[in-house]
N, C-alpha and C. Protein backbone atom coordinates (compact mmCIF):
# COMPACT_ATOMS: atom_id res chain seq x y z
N MET A 1 29.10 96.92 74.02
CA MET A 1 28.48 96.60 75.27
C MET A 1 29.55 96.54 76.35
N SER A 2 29.34 97.20 77.45
CA SER A 2 30.32 97.18 78.53
C SER A 2 29.83 96.26 79.65
N ILE A 3 30.76 95.59 80.26
CA ILE A 3 30.44 94.69 81.36
C ILE A 3 30.71 95.42 82.67
N VAL A 4 29.72 95.45 83.52
CA VAL A 4 29.85 96.10 84.81
C VAL A 4 30.19 95.02 85.84
N THR A 5 31.29 95.19 86.53
CA THR A 5 31.66 94.22 87.56
C THR A 5 31.46 94.85 88.92
N LYS A 6 30.97 94.06 89.84
CA LYS A 6 30.75 94.53 91.19
C LYS A 6 32.07 94.49 91.94
N LYS A 7 32.36 95.53 92.69
CA LYS A 7 33.60 95.60 93.46
C LYS A 7 33.49 94.68 94.68
N SER A 8 34.64 94.10 95.04
CA SER A 8 34.66 93.27 96.25
C SER A 8 34.50 94.17 97.47
N PHE A 9 34.20 93.56 98.60
CA PHE A 9 34.04 94.32 99.83
C PHE A 9 35.34 95.05 100.16
N ASP A 10 36.49 94.37 99.99
CA ASP A 10 37.78 95.01 100.23
C ASP A 10 37.94 96.25 99.37
N GLU A 11 37.61 96.14 98.09
CA GLU A 11 37.74 97.28 97.17
C GLU A 11 36.82 98.43 97.60
N GLN A 12 35.60 98.10 98.02
CA GLN A 12 34.68 99.14 98.49
C GLN A 12 35.23 99.83 99.74
N MET A 13 35.79 99.04 100.66
CA MET A 13 36.36 99.62 101.88
C MET A 13 37.55 100.52 101.54
N LEU A 14 38.42 100.05 100.65
CA LEU A 14 39.59 100.85 100.29
C LEU A 14 39.19 102.11 99.53
N ASP A 15 38.14 102.03 98.71
CA ASP A 15 37.61 103.22 98.05
C ASP A 15 37.13 104.23 99.09
N GLY A 16 36.42 103.71 100.11
CA GLY A 16 35.96 104.58 101.20
C GLY A 16 37.12 105.20 101.95
N LEU A 17 38.18 104.41 102.17
CA LEU A 17 39.37 104.94 102.83
C LEU A 17 39.99 106.06 102.01
N GLU A 18 40.07 105.88 100.70
CA GLU A 18 40.66 106.91 99.84
C GLU A 18 39.80 108.18 99.84
N GLU A 19 38.46 108.01 99.91
CA GLU A 19 37.57 109.17 100.03
C GLU A 19 37.89 109.92 101.32
N TRP A 20 38.03 109.16 102.43
CA TRP A 20 38.34 109.77 103.72
C TRP A 20 39.67 110.51 103.65
N ARG A 21 40.68 109.91 103.02
CA ARG A 21 42.00 110.53 102.90
C ARG A 21 41.92 111.85 102.13
N LYS A 22 41.09 111.88 101.08
CA LYS A 22 40.93 113.11 100.31
C LYS A 22 40.31 114.22 101.16
N GLN A 23 39.39 113.85 102.04
CA GLN A 23 38.72 114.84 102.87
C GLN A 23 39.52 115.20 104.12
N HIS A 24 40.58 114.44 104.41
CA HIS A 24 41.43 114.70 105.59
C HIS A 24 42.89 114.74 105.15
N PRO A 25 43.27 115.66 104.27
CA PRO A 25 44.64 115.66 103.72
C PRO A 25 45.72 115.98 104.74
N ASP A 26 45.36 116.59 105.87
CA ASP A 26 46.36 116.95 106.87
C ASP A 26 46.71 115.80 107.81
N ASP A 27 45.95 114.73 107.76
CA ASP A 27 46.21 113.58 108.65
C ASP A 27 47.26 112.68 108.01
N GLU A 28 48.44 112.62 108.64
CA GLU A 28 49.53 111.80 108.11
C GLU A 28 49.21 110.31 108.28
N TYR A 29 48.61 109.96 109.42
CA TYR A 29 48.19 108.57 109.65
C TYR A 29 46.85 108.58 110.37
N TRP A 30 46.23 107.42 110.43
CA TRP A 30 44.85 107.38 110.89
C TRP A 30 44.56 106.15 111.71
N ASP A 31 43.46 106.21 112.44
CA ASP A 31 42.91 105.13 113.25
C ASP A 31 41.72 104.59 112.45
N ASN A 32 41.71 103.29 112.16
CA ASN A 32 40.65 102.72 111.33
C ASN A 32 39.26 102.93 111.93
N GLU A 33 39.15 102.92 113.25
CA GLU A 33 37.82 103.10 113.84
C GLU A 33 37.26 104.50 113.51
N LYS A 34 38.13 105.50 113.47
CA LYS A 34 37.66 106.85 113.11
C LYS A 34 37.27 106.90 111.63
N VAL A 35 38.04 106.22 110.79
CA VAL A 35 37.70 106.17 109.36
C VAL A 35 36.35 105.48 109.19
N VAL A 36 36.17 104.36 109.88
CA VAL A 36 34.93 103.61 109.76
C VAL A 36 33.75 104.41 110.30
N GLU A 37 33.97 105.14 111.38
CA GLU A 37 32.91 106.00 111.91
C GLU A 37 32.47 107.01 110.84
N TRP A 38 33.45 107.59 110.15
CA TRP A 38 33.16 108.53 109.07
C TRP A 38 32.42 107.81 107.94
N LEU A 39 32.86 106.57 107.61
CA LEU A 39 32.19 105.81 106.55
C LEU A 39 30.75 105.49 106.91
N ILE A 40 30.52 105.17 108.18
CA ILE A 40 29.15 104.87 108.62
C ILE A 40 28.27 106.11 108.45
N ASP A 41 28.80 107.26 108.86
CA ASP A 41 28.04 108.50 108.73
C ASP A 41 27.79 108.86 107.27
N GLU A 42 28.81 108.70 106.43
CA GLU A 42 28.71 109.07 105.02
C GLU A 42 27.86 108.08 104.21
N ARG A 43 28.08 106.80 104.46
CA ARG A 43 27.42 105.77 103.64
C ARG A 43 26.17 105.20 104.30
N GLN A 44 25.93 105.56 105.56
CA GLN A 44 24.72 105.17 106.27
C GLN A 44 24.50 103.65 106.27
N PHE A 45 25.49 102.91 106.79
CA PHE A 45 25.32 101.47 106.93
C PHE A 45 24.15 101.20 107.86
N GLY A 46 23.37 100.18 107.55
CA GLY A 46 22.14 99.91 108.29
C GLY A 46 22.29 99.00 109.49
N LEU A 47 23.49 98.72 109.96
CA LEU A 47 23.67 97.86 111.12
C LEU A 47 23.83 98.70 112.38
N GLU A 48 23.75 98.02 113.53
CA GLU A 48 23.95 98.73 114.79
C GLU A 48 25.34 99.37 114.79
N ARG A 49 25.40 100.64 115.11
CA ARG A 49 26.62 101.43 114.96
C ARG A 49 27.82 100.85 115.70
N ARG A 50 27.66 100.44 116.96
CA ARG A 50 28.78 99.95 117.76
C ARG A 50 29.37 98.68 117.17
N ILE A 51 28.53 97.74 116.80
CA ILE A 51 29.00 96.48 116.21
C ILE A 51 29.59 96.74 114.83
N THR A 52 28.93 97.55 114.07
CA THR A 52 29.39 97.86 112.72
C THR A 52 30.78 98.48 112.75
N LYS A 53 31.01 99.41 113.66
CA LYS A 53 32.28 100.12 113.73
C LYS A 53 33.45 99.16 113.95
N LYS A 54 33.37 98.29 114.94
CA LYS A 54 34.46 97.35 115.22
C LYS A 54 34.63 96.36 114.07
N TRP A 55 33.52 95.84 113.58
CA TRP A 55 33.58 94.84 112.51
C TRP A 55 34.18 95.46 111.24
N LEU A 56 33.71 96.65 110.88
CA LEU A 56 34.23 97.31 109.68
C LEU A 56 35.70 97.70 109.84
N ALA A 57 36.10 98.12 111.04
CA ALA A 57 37.51 98.47 111.27
C ALA A 57 38.40 97.25 111.06
N LYS A 58 37.95 96.09 111.52
CA LYS A 58 38.73 94.86 111.30
C LYS A 58 38.77 94.51 109.82
N ARG A 59 37.65 94.64 109.14
CA ARG A 59 37.61 94.35 107.70
C ARG A 59 38.49 95.32 106.91
N LEU A 60 38.47 96.58 107.31
CA LEU A 60 39.31 97.57 106.65
C LEU A 60 40.79 97.23 106.86
N ALA A 61 41.17 96.83 108.06
CA ALA A 61 42.56 96.44 108.34
C ALA A 61 42.97 95.26 107.47
N LYS A 62 42.08 94.28 107.31
CA LYS A 62 42.40 93.13 106.44
C LYS A 62 42.58 93.59 105.00
N ALA A 63 41.71 94.47 104.55
CA ALA A 63 41.83 94.97 103.17
C ALA A 63 43.14 95.73 102.99
N GLN A 64 43.51 96.54 104.00
CA GLN A 64 44.76 97.29 103.91
C GLN A 64 45.96 96.34 103.89
N ASN A 65 45.92 95.29 104.69
CA ASN A 65 47.01 94.31 104.71
C ASN A 65 47.16 93.60 103.37
N ARG A 66 46.06 93.36 102.68
CA ARG A 66 46.11 92.62 101.41
C ARG A 66 46.45 93.50 100.21
N LYS A 67 46.34 94.81 100.35
CA LYS A 67 46.55 95.71 99.22
C LYS A 67 48.04 95.90 98.95
N HIS A 68 48.48 95.42 97.80
CA HIS A 68 49.87 95.57 97.38
C HIS A 68 49.92 96.28 96.03
N VAL A 69 51.02 96.98 95.79
CA VAL A 69 51.26 97.68 94.53
C VAL A 69 52.69 97.40 94.10
N ARG A 70 53.00 97.72 92.87
CA ARG A 70 54.39 97.63 92.39
C ARG A 70 55.05 98.98 92.60
N ASN A 71 56.22 98.97 93.23
CA ASN A 71 56.93 100.24 93.44
C ASN A 71 57.76 100.57 92.20
N ALA A 72 58.51 101.65 92.26
CA ALA A 72 59.28 102.11 91.10
C ALA A 72 60.33 101.09 90.66
N GLN A 73 60.79 100.26 91.60
CA GLN A 73 61.79 99.23 91.27
C GLN A 73 61.14 97.93 90.81
N GLY A 74 59.81 97.89 90.76
CA GLY A 74 59.09 96.71 90.31
C GLY A 74 58.81 95.70 91.41
N ARG A 75 59.10 96.05 92.66
CA ARG A 75 58.83 95.14 93.77
C ARG A 75 57.37 95.25 94.19
N ARG A 76 56.81 94.13 94.60
CA ARG A 76 55.45 94.09 95.12
C ARG A 76 55.52 94.48 96.59
N VAL A 77 54.90 95.60 96.96
CA VAL A 77 54.99 96.13 98.32
C VAL A 77 53.60 96.48 98.85
N ARG A 78 53.50 96.61 100.16
CA ARG A 78 52.24 97.01 100.79
C ARG A 78 51.96 98.49 100.49
N GLU A 79 50.70 98.78 100.23
CA GLU A 79 50.33 100.17 99.99
C GLU A 79 50.10 100.91 101.31
N TYR A 80 49.62 100.19 102.32
CA TYR A 80 49.34 100.79 103.62
C TYR A 80 50.18 100.09 104.68
N HIS A 81 50.66 100.87 105.62
CA HIS A 81 51.47 100.32 106.72
C HIS A 81 50.82 100.70 108.04
N CYS A 82 50.97 99.81 109.03
CA CYS A 82 50.42 100.11 110.35
C CYS A 82 51.54 100.10 111.38
N ALA A 83 51.27 100.79 112.49
CA ALA A 83 52.19 100.80 113.63
C ALA A 83 51.36 100.96 114.89
N ARG A 84 51.80 100.29 115.94
CA ARG A 84 51.15 100.46 117.23
C ARG A 84 51.84 101.60 117.96
N LEU A 85 51.07 102.63 118.29
CA LEU A 85 51.61 103.82 118.92
C LEU A 85 50.94 104.03 120.28
N PRO A 86 51.70 104.53 121.26
CA PRO A 86 51.10 104.80 122.58
C PRO A 86 50.30 106.10 122.54
N ILE A 87 49.08 106.02 123.07
CA ILE A 87 48.26 107.22 123.19
C ILE A 87 47.65 107.23 124.59
N PRO A 88 47.42 108.41 125.16
CA PRO A 88 46.84 108.45 126.51
C PRO A 88 45.36 108.08 126.48
N ASP A 89 44.96 107.27 127.48
CA ASP A 89 43.53 106.98 127.61
C ASP A 89 42.92 108.01 128.54
N GLY A 90 41.70 107.85 128.91
CA GLY A 90 41.01 108.84 129.74
C GLY A 90 41.63 109.04 131.12
N SER A 91 42.33 108.01 131.65
CA SER A 91 42.89 108.11 133.00
C SER A 91 44.33 108.63 133.02
N GLY A 92 44.86 108.99 131.86
CA GLY A 92 46.23 109.50 131.80
C GLY A 92 47.27 108.42 131.53
N LYS A 93 46.86 107.15 131.54
CA LYS A 93 47.79 106.07 131.21
C LYS A 93 47.89 105.96 129.69
N PHE A 94 48.98 105.35 129.24
CA PHE A 94 49.16 105.17 127.80
C PHE A 94 48.75 103.76 127.41
N VAL A 95 48.03 103.67 126.30
CA VAL A 95 47.64 102.38 125.72
C VAL A 95 48.14 102.33 124.29
N GLN A 96 48.38 101.12 123.81
CA GLN A 96 48.83 100.94 122.42
C GLN A 96 47.62 100.93 121.50
N LYS A 97 47.68 101.69 120.44
CA LYS A 97 46.60 101.74 119.45
C LYS A 97 47.21 101.63 118.07
N THR A 98 46.55 100.90 117.19
CA THR A 98 47.05 100.71 115.84
C THR A 98 46.61 101.87 114.95
N PHE A 99 47.59 102.48 114.27
CA PHE A 99 47.33 103.54 113.31
C PHE A 99 47.86 103.09 111.95
N TRP A 100 47.31 103.66 110.90
CA TRP A 100 47.67 103.30 109.53
C TRP A 100 48.15 104.52 108.77
N ALA A 101 49.00 104.29 107.77
CA ALA A 101 49.49 105.36 106.91
C ALA A 101 49.72 104.83 105.50
N HIS A 102 49.60 105.71 104.52
CA HIS A 102 49.86 105.35 103.13
C HIS A 102 51.36 105.37 102.91
N ARG A 103 51.86 104.42 102.13
CA ARG A 103 53.31 104.24 101.95
C ARG A 103 54.01 105.48 101.41
N ALA A 104 53.31 106.27 100.61
CA ALA A 104 53.94 107.44 99.99
C ALA A 104 53.98 108.64 100.94
N GLU A 105 53.23 108.58 102.03
CA GLU A 105 53.10 109.76 102.89
C GLU A 105 53.55 109.55 104.32
N LEU A 106 53.91 108.33 104.70
CA LEU A 106 54.24 108.11 106.11
C LEU A 106 55.60 108.71 106.46
N GLY A 107 55.72 109.20 107.68
CA GLY A 107 56.95 109.82 108.14
C GLY A 107 57.97 108.76 108.56
N ALA A 108 59.21 109.20 108.75
CA ALA A 108 60.30 108.28 109.09
C ALA A 108 60.05 107.57 110.41
N ALA A 109 59.60 108.29 111.44
CA ALA A 109 59.37 107.66 112.75
C ALA A 109 58.29 106.59 112.65
N PHE A 110 57.23 106.89 111.90
CA PHE A 110 56.15 105.92 111.72
C PHE A 110 56.66 104.71 110.95
N ALA A 111 57.43 104.93 109.90
CA ALA A 111 57.96 103.83 109.08
C ALA A 111 58.84 102.92 109.92
N HIS A 112 59.70 103.51 110.75
CA HIS A 112 60.57 102.70 111.61
C HIS A 112 59.76 101.89 112.61
N LYS A 113 58.76 102.51 113.20
CA LYS A 113 57.90 101.81 114.18
C LYS A 113 57.14 100.68 113.50
N SER A 114 56.68 100.91 112.28
CA SER A 114 55.96 99.89 111.53
C SER A 114 56.86 98.69 111.24
N MET A 115 58.06 98.95 110.76
CA MET A 115 58.98 97.86 110.44
C MET A 115 59.44 97.13 111.70
N GLU A 116 59.59 97.86 112.80
CA GLU A 116 59.95 97.24 114.08
C GLU A 116 58.86 96.24 114.50
N GLY A 117 57.62 96.65 114.35
CA GLY A 117 56.51 95.76 114.70
C GLY A 117 56.47 94.53 113.81
N ARG A 118 56.70 94.71 112.53
CA ARG A 118 56.69 93.56 111.62
C ARG A 118 57.86 92.64 111.89
N GLN A 119 59.02 93.21 112.27
CA GLN A 119 60.17 92.37 112.63
C GLN A 119 59.86 91.55 113.87
N LYS A 120 59.20 92.15 114.87
CA LYS A 120 58.83 91.42 116.07
C LYS A 120 57.84 90.30 115.75
N GLN A 121 56.94 90.53 114.80
CA GLN A 121 56.03 89.47 114.38
C GLN A 121 56.81 88.32 113.77
N ALA A 122 57.78 88.64 112.90
CA ALA A 122 58.59 87.60 112.26
C ALA A 122 59.41 86.84 113.30
N GLU A 123 59.96 87.57 114.28
CA GLU A 123 60.73 86.91 115.33
C GLU A 123 59.84 85.96 116.13
N GLY A 124 58.63 86.38 116.43
CA GLY A 124 57.69 85.53 117.16
C GLY A 124 57.34 84.28 116.37
N PHE A 125 57.13 84.46 115.06
CA PHE A 125 56.83 83.32 114.19
C PHE A 125 58.00 82.34 114.18
N CYS A 126 59.23 82.87 114.04
CA CYS A 126 60.42 82.00 114.01
C CYS A 126 60.60 81.29 115.35
N ARG A 127 60.37 81.99 116.46
CA ARG A 127 60.48 81.37 117.78
C ARG A 127 59.48 80.23 117.91
N SER A 128 58.26 80.46 117.49
CA SER A 128 57.22 79.44 117.56
C SER A 128 57.58 78.25 116.67
N MET A 129 58.06 78.53 115.45
CA MET A 129 58.44 77.47 114.53
C MET A 129 59.60 76.65 115.10
N PHE A 130 60.59 77.34 115.71
CA PHE A 130 61.74 76.67 116.31
C PHE A 130 61.28 75.77 117.45
N ASN A 131 60.39 76.29 118.31
CA ASN A 131 59.88 75.48 119.43
C ASN A 131 59.10 74.27 118.93
N ASP A 132 58.30 74.45 117.88
CA ASP A 132 57.55 73.32 117.32
C ASP A 132 58.50 72.27 116.75
N ALA A 133 59.53 72.71 116.02
CA ALA A 133 60.49 71.75 115.46
C ALA A 133 61.22 71.02 116.57
N ARG A 134 61.64 71.75 117.60
CA ARG A 134 62.32 71.12 118.75
C ARG A 134 61.39 70.10 119.42
N ASP A 135 60.13 70.47 119.61
CA ASP A 135 59.16 69.56 120.23
C ASP A 135 59.01 68.29 119.40
N LEU A 136 58.86 68.45 118.08
CA LEU A 136 58.71 67.27 117.22
C LEU A 136 59.96 66.39 117.27
N ASN A 137 61.13 67.02 117.23
CA ASN A 137 62.37 66.25 117.28
C ASN A 137 62.53 65.52 118.62
N ASP A 138 62.13 66.17 119.71
CA ASP A 138 62.28 65.57 121.04
C ASP A 138 61.23 64.53 121.36
N ASN A 139 60.04 64.67 120.79
CA ASN A 139 58.91 63.85 121.26
C ASN A 139 58.23 62.99 120.21
N ASN A 140 58.67 63.01 118.97
CA ASN A 140 58.03 62.22 117.93
C ASN A 140 58.98 61.11 117.48
N GLU A 141 58.62 59.88 117.81
CA GLU A 141 59.48 58.73 117.48
C GLU A 141 59.66 58.56 115.98
N ASN A 142 58.72 59.01 115.19
CA ASN A 142 58.83 58.87 113.74
C ASN A 142 59.97 59.70 113.15
N LEU A 143 60.47 60.66 113.93
CA LEU A 143 61.55 61.51 113.46
C LEU A 143 62.92 61.09 114.02
N ALA A 144 62.98 59.91 114.64
CA ALA A 144 64.22 59.47 115.30
C ALA A 144 65.42 59.48 114.37
N ASP A 145 65.23 59.10 113.12
CA ASP A 145 66.35 59.04 112.17
C ASP A 145 66.31 60.16 111.14
N ASN A 146 65.36 61.06 111.27
CA ASN A 146 65.20 62.11 110.26
C ASN A 146 64.78 63.41 110.94
N PHE A 147 65.67 64.00 111.75
CA PHE A 147 65.35 65.20 112.52
C PHE A 147 65.07 66.39 111.61
N ILE A 148 64.24 67.28 112.10
CA ILE A 148 63.92 68.52 111.39
C ILE A 148 65.02 69.54 111.70
N GLN A 149 65.56 70.17 110.65
CA GLN A 149 66.51 71.27 110.82
C GLN A 149 65.92 72.49 110.12
N LEU A 150 66.07 73.62 110.75
CA LEU A 150 65.54 74.86 110.20
C LEU A 150 66.67 75.71 109.64
N ASP A 151 66.49 76.18 108.43
CA ASP A 151 67.44 77.09 107.79
C ASP A 151 66.77 78.46 107.75
N LEU A 152 67.22 79.36 108.62
CA LEU A 152 66.59 80.68 108.71
C LEU A 152 67.32 81.73 107.88
N ASP A 153 67.89 81.30 106.77
CA ASP A 153 68.51 82.20 105.80
C ASP A 153 67.46 82.49 104.73
N PHE A 154 66.89 83.70 104.78
CA PHE A 154 65.81 84.04 103.86
C PHE A 154 66.30 84.83 102.64
N SER A 155 67.60 84.82 102.40
CA SER A 155 68.12 85.58 101.27
C SER A 155 67.60 85.03 99.94
N TYR A 156 67.25 83.73 99.90
CA TYR A 156 66.70 83.17 98.66
C TYR A 156 65.33 83.77 98.34
N VAL A 157 64.62 84.25 99.36
CA VAL A 157 63.31 84.86 99.15
C VAL A 157 63.46 86.29 98.64
N THR A 158 64.38 87.03 99.24
CA THR A 158 64.53 88.44 98.90
C THR A 158 65.42 88.65 97.69
N GLY A 159 66.24 87.65 97.36
CA GLY A 159 67.17 87.79 96.25
C GLY A 159 68.42 88.55 96.63
N ASP A 160 68.51 88.96 97.89
CA ASP A 160 69.68 89.69 98.38
C ASP A 160 70.66 88.72 99.02
N LYS A 161 71.92 89.10 98.99
CA LYS A 161 72.92 88.32 99.70
C LYS A 161 72.93 88.78 101.15
N PRO A 162 72.96 87.84 102.10
CA PRO A 162 72.95 88.25 103.51
C PRO A 162 74.20 89.05 103.87
N LYS A 163 74.02 90.06 104.73
CA LYS A 163 75.14 90.89 105.16
C LYS A 163 75.90 90.22 106.30
N GLN A 164 75.29 89.23 106.90
CA GLN A 164 75.95 88.50 107.97
C GLN A 164 75.80 87.02 107.71
N SER A 165 76.64 86.24 108.34
CA SER A 165 76.54 84.80 108.12
C SER A 165 75.32 84.27 108.86
N VAL A 166 74.62 83.36 108.25
CA VAL A 166 73.44 82.76 108.84
C VAL A 166 73.71 81.28 108.99
N GLN A 167 73.44 80.77 110.17
CA GLN A 167 73.71 79.37 110.43
C GLN A 167 72.41 78.57 110.43
N VAL A 168 72.55 77.29 110.09
CA VAL A 168 71.43 76.38 110.23
C VAL A 168 71.27 76.11 111.71
N ILE A 169 70.08 76.24 112.22
CA ILE A 169 69.83 75.99 113.63
C ILE A 169 69.54 74.51 113.80
N PRO A 170 70.43 73.77 114.47
CA PRO A 170 70.23 72.32 114.61
C PRO A 170 69.25 72.01 115.73
N THR A 171 67.98 71.97 115.42
CA THR A 171 66.97 71.70 116.44
C THR A 171 67.00 70.25 116.88
N ASP A 172 67.71 69.41 116.11
CA ASP A 172 67.72 67.99 116.40
C ASP A 172 68.94 67.51 117.16
N ALA A 173 69.90 68.37 117.40
CA ALA A 173 71.14 67.93 118.03
C ALA A 173 70.88 67.46 119.45
N PRO A 174 71.32 66.24 119.81
CA PRO A 174 71.09 65.72 121.15
C PRO A 174 71.68 66.62 122.23
N HIS A 175 72.83 67.25 121.95
CA HIS A 175 73.45 68.10 122.97
C HIS A 175 72.61 69.34 123.26
N ASP A 176 71.77 69.76 122.31
CA ASP A 176 70.89 70.92 122.57
C ASP A 176 69.92 70.61 123.69
N SER A 177 69.30 69.42 123.63
CA SER A 177 68.32 69.05 124.64
C SER A 177 68.97 68.91 126.00
N LYS A 178 70.16 68.34 126.04
CA LYS A 178 70.86 68.17 127.31
C LYS A 178 71.24 69.53 127.89
N ALA A 179 71.68 70.44 127.03
CA ALA A 179 72.06 71.76 127.51
C ALA A 179 70.88 72.48 128.12
N LEU A 180 69.69 72.19 127.64
CA LEU A 180 68.49 72.82 128.17
C LEU A 180 67.91 72.05 129.35
N GLY A 181 68.58 70.93 129.73
CA GLY A 181 68.09 70.12 130.84
C GLY A 181 66.93 69.23 130.49
N LYS A 182 66.70 68.98 129.21
CA LYS A 182 65.61 68.12 128.77
C LYS A 182 66.18 66.77 128.37
N LYS A 183 65.41 65.76 128.59
CA LYS A 183 65.83 64.42 128.20
C LYS A 183 65.09 64.00 126.95
N LYS A 184 65.81 63.32 126.08
CA LYS A 184 65.19 62.77 124.86
C LYS A 184 64.31 61.60 125.26
N PRO A 185 63.10 61.46 124.69
CA PRO A 185 62.28 60.30 124.99
C PRO A 185 62.89 59.04 124.37
N ARG A 186 62.65 57.93 125.00
CA ARG A 186 63.20 56.67 124.48
C ARG A 186 62.16 55.88 123.77
């Protein structure tokens, strides 16, 4: 007796994406809204087309972000990568649009743009985390004797030795606040 398991929505979306890729082998990268439009036509989703297209494109992007595989070196890596690329709109101006590519087929320019975008996301996250730690150190009396310090050396995560020296950022140092013209609360 065989057990039939129902595929998750993510799996169904990724299956649909792979069907689209098979039928469009010349497309190095793609726009999820175009893929979803094709899926709507092929699978005949019963929802209003305009709402369905945006909603499904977002769901497909989430599924692509969550899909990881093991590479030849045994590392867990993303199967699909995205990059924001400038494209002309109807008025001749350029707008940023997100495109996706499969890890085995993406070109060098796309790969660099994708990693650049992910690095900017990480930088934004670190900036926000640093500002939050500074705010807590400056404005939370409960931290007066136990300041938060951030160690932004992520080599323990990657298992690699850093190529450059990484310093602990002292978000709690009193001279930092003075240098920025801020006063410590009393």
